[in-house]
Structures are given as C-alpha cells and as structure tokens.
Amino acid sequence: MYILLEIGTPIRCEMIAGIAQVDECDVAQVLEKDEWVEYLKKQNVEGEICYTIYHASFLDFLKAKREMDSKRKIFQEVNQRIVDYLKRKKEENGNIS
C-alpha cells in the first residue's frame, strides 16, 4: 500500500515486487485478494496489467490519515527503495549515469 501511495500512478506487479524486494507471485496474491478489490484499480496500460489506488479522493483520504504521514520512517524507506529500484533498472538497460 505504501508503494502505491508514493508512486501515485499505475504500477506493474513486477515493479511493486522489485521495489519491495519480494517475490512477484507473493505480490500478485496480495493484490488479487478480495479485501483489496474495493481499494485498488486494476487497469491495462500499454498491454501491461497495472494497479493504482482506486480513486484520487481515496488516495487523498489515505494521505491525510496519521498512519500515512509521509514523514514516517516507512515512507522514507519506501522512497529509497523506489530510487534504488529505478537505478537498478537504469543500469540493467545500460543507461548508467
């Protein structure tokens, strides 16, 4: 959930798994659980299945909750993992800066 909140745009299961550094199958199982259906929007983006928070107002609601305060350590860790993931992908694609 923290990754989806921070990314804020549709994201592939593979990318969520890469950022979280967990198995993609485990992420897929969580995303497909009935308890998340009403909160997540599953959509096809350029032939890829992606997930995002269902509605912008729900995203705003979550961000306003104290537990979802972006100053919390978990968000710092998530943001660092996002940066690390993007760097790894850039290096894998030969775009080393």
Protein backbone atom coordinates (compact mmCIF):
# COMPACT_ATOMS: atom_id res chain seq x y z
CA MET A 1 0.00 0.00 0.00
CA TYR A 2 2.82 2.39 0.87
CA ILE A 3 4.39 1.87 -2.56
CA LEU A 4 1.10 2.58 -4.32
CA LEU A 5 0.62 5.71 -2.23
CA GLU A 6 4.08 7.04 -3.02
CA ILE A 7 4.09 6.16 -6.72
CA GLY A 8 0.64 7.65 -7.27
CA THR A 9 0.36 6.31 -10.83
CA PRO A 10 -0.48 2.88 -12.24
CA ILE A 11 2.32 0.41 -11.49
CA ARG A 12 3.02 -3.16 -12.62
CA CYS A 13 3.10 -6.02 -10.13
CA GLU A 14 6.70 -6.72 -11.21
CA MET A 15 7.71 -3.19 -10.26
CA ILE A 16 5.98 -3.40 -6.87
CA ALA A 17 7.83 -6.67 -6.20
CA GLY A 18 11.13 -5.15 -7.31
CA ILE A 19 10.72 -2.13 -5.07
CA ALA A 20 9.59 -4.22 -2.09
CA GLN A 21 12.29 -6.81 -2.85
CA VAL A 22 9.85 -9.69 -2.57
CA ASP A 23 8.68 -12.42 -4.92
CA GLU A 24 6.34 -11.23 -7.67
CA CYS A 25 3.96 -14.14 -7.03
CA ASP A 26 3.56 -13.05 -3.41
CA VAL A 27 2.72 -9.50 -4.52
CA ALA A 28 0.22 -10.80 -7.10
CA GLN A 29 -1.52 -12.90 -4.44
CA VAL A 30 -1.90 -9.87 -2.17
CA LEU A 31 -3.14 -7.62 -4.98
CA GLU A 32 -5.76 -10.17 -6.02
CA LYS A 33 -7.22 -10.69 -2.53
CA ASP A 34 -10.89 -9.81 -2.16
CA GLU A 35 -10.15 -7.38 0.67
CA TRP A 36 -8.23 -5.10 -1.73
CA VAL A 37 -10.70 -5.16 -4.64
CA GLU A 38 -12.63 -2.11 -3.49
CA TYR A 39 -9.44 -0.09 -2.94
CA LEU A 40 -7.32 -0.94 -5.95
CA LYS A 41 -7.92 -0.18 -9.59
CA LYS A 42 -6.60 -2.81 -11.98
CA GLN A 43 -6.06 -1.50 -15.48
CA ASN A 44 -4.32 -2.28 -18.75
CA VAL A 45 -1.58 0.23 -19.56
CA GLU A 46 0.19 -0.39 -22.87
CA GLY A 47 -0.54 -4.11 -22.68
CA GLU A 48 0.58 -4.43 -19.04
CA ILE A 49 -1.70 -5.03 -16.06
CA CYS A 50 -1.12 -2.21 -13.58
CA TYR A 51 -2.50 -1.28 -10.19
CA THR A 52 -3.25 2.04 -8.57
CA ILE A 53 -5.34 3.38 -5.71
CA TYR A 54 -8.96 3.26 -6.90
CA HIS A 55 -9.84 6.93 -6.76
CA ALA A 56 -7.93 10.18 -6.19
CA SER A 57 -10.23 11.15 -3.31
CA PHE A 58 -9.46 7.84 -1.59
CA LEU A 59 -5.75 8.49 -2.14
CA ASP A 60 -6.17 11.93 -0.54
CA PHE A 61 -8.10 10.35 2.35
CA LEU A 62 -5.29 7.85 2.96
CA LYS A 63 -2.60 10.52 2.79
CA ALA A 64 -4.49 12.58 5.40
CA LYS A 65 -4.52 9.71 7.89
CA ARG A 66 -1.91 9.93 10.61
CA GLU A 67 -0.61 6.42 9.87
CA MET A 68 0.08 7.51 6.31
CA ASP A 69 2.09 10.60 7.22
CA SER A 70 4.83 10.90 4.62
CA LYS A 71 7.31 11.88 7.37
CA ARG A 72 7.14 8.40 8.88
CA LYS A 73 10.21 6.22 8.53
CA ILE A 74 8.33 3.66 6.40
CA PHE A 75 7.80 6.28 3.70
CA GLN A 76 11.45 7.27 3.76
CA GLU A 77 12.34 3.59 3.30
CA VAL A 78 9.80 3.15 0.50
CA ASN A 79 11.07 6.23 -1.30
CA GLN A 80 14.66 4.98 -1.01
CA ARG A 81 13.63 1.59 -2.37
CA ILE A 82 11.88 3.29 -5.30
CA VAL A 83 15.08 5.23 -6.07
CA ASP A 84 17.20 2.08 -5.73
CA TYR A 85 14.84 0.12 -7.99
CA LEU A 86 14.90 2.80 -10.68
CA LYS A 87 18.71 2.94 -10.52
CA ARG A 88 18.94 -0.85 -10.88
CA LYS A 89 16.61 -0.80 -13.87
CA LYS A 90 18.55 2.04 -15.46
CA GLU A 91 21.81 0.12 -15.04
CA GLU A 92 20.25 -3.09 -16.39
CA ASN A 93 19.19 -1.19 -19.50
CA GLY A 94 22.70 0.17 -20.00
CA ASN A 95 21.81 3.75 -19.10
CA ILE A 96 24.45 4.23 -16.46
CA SER A 97 24.95 7.88 -15.45
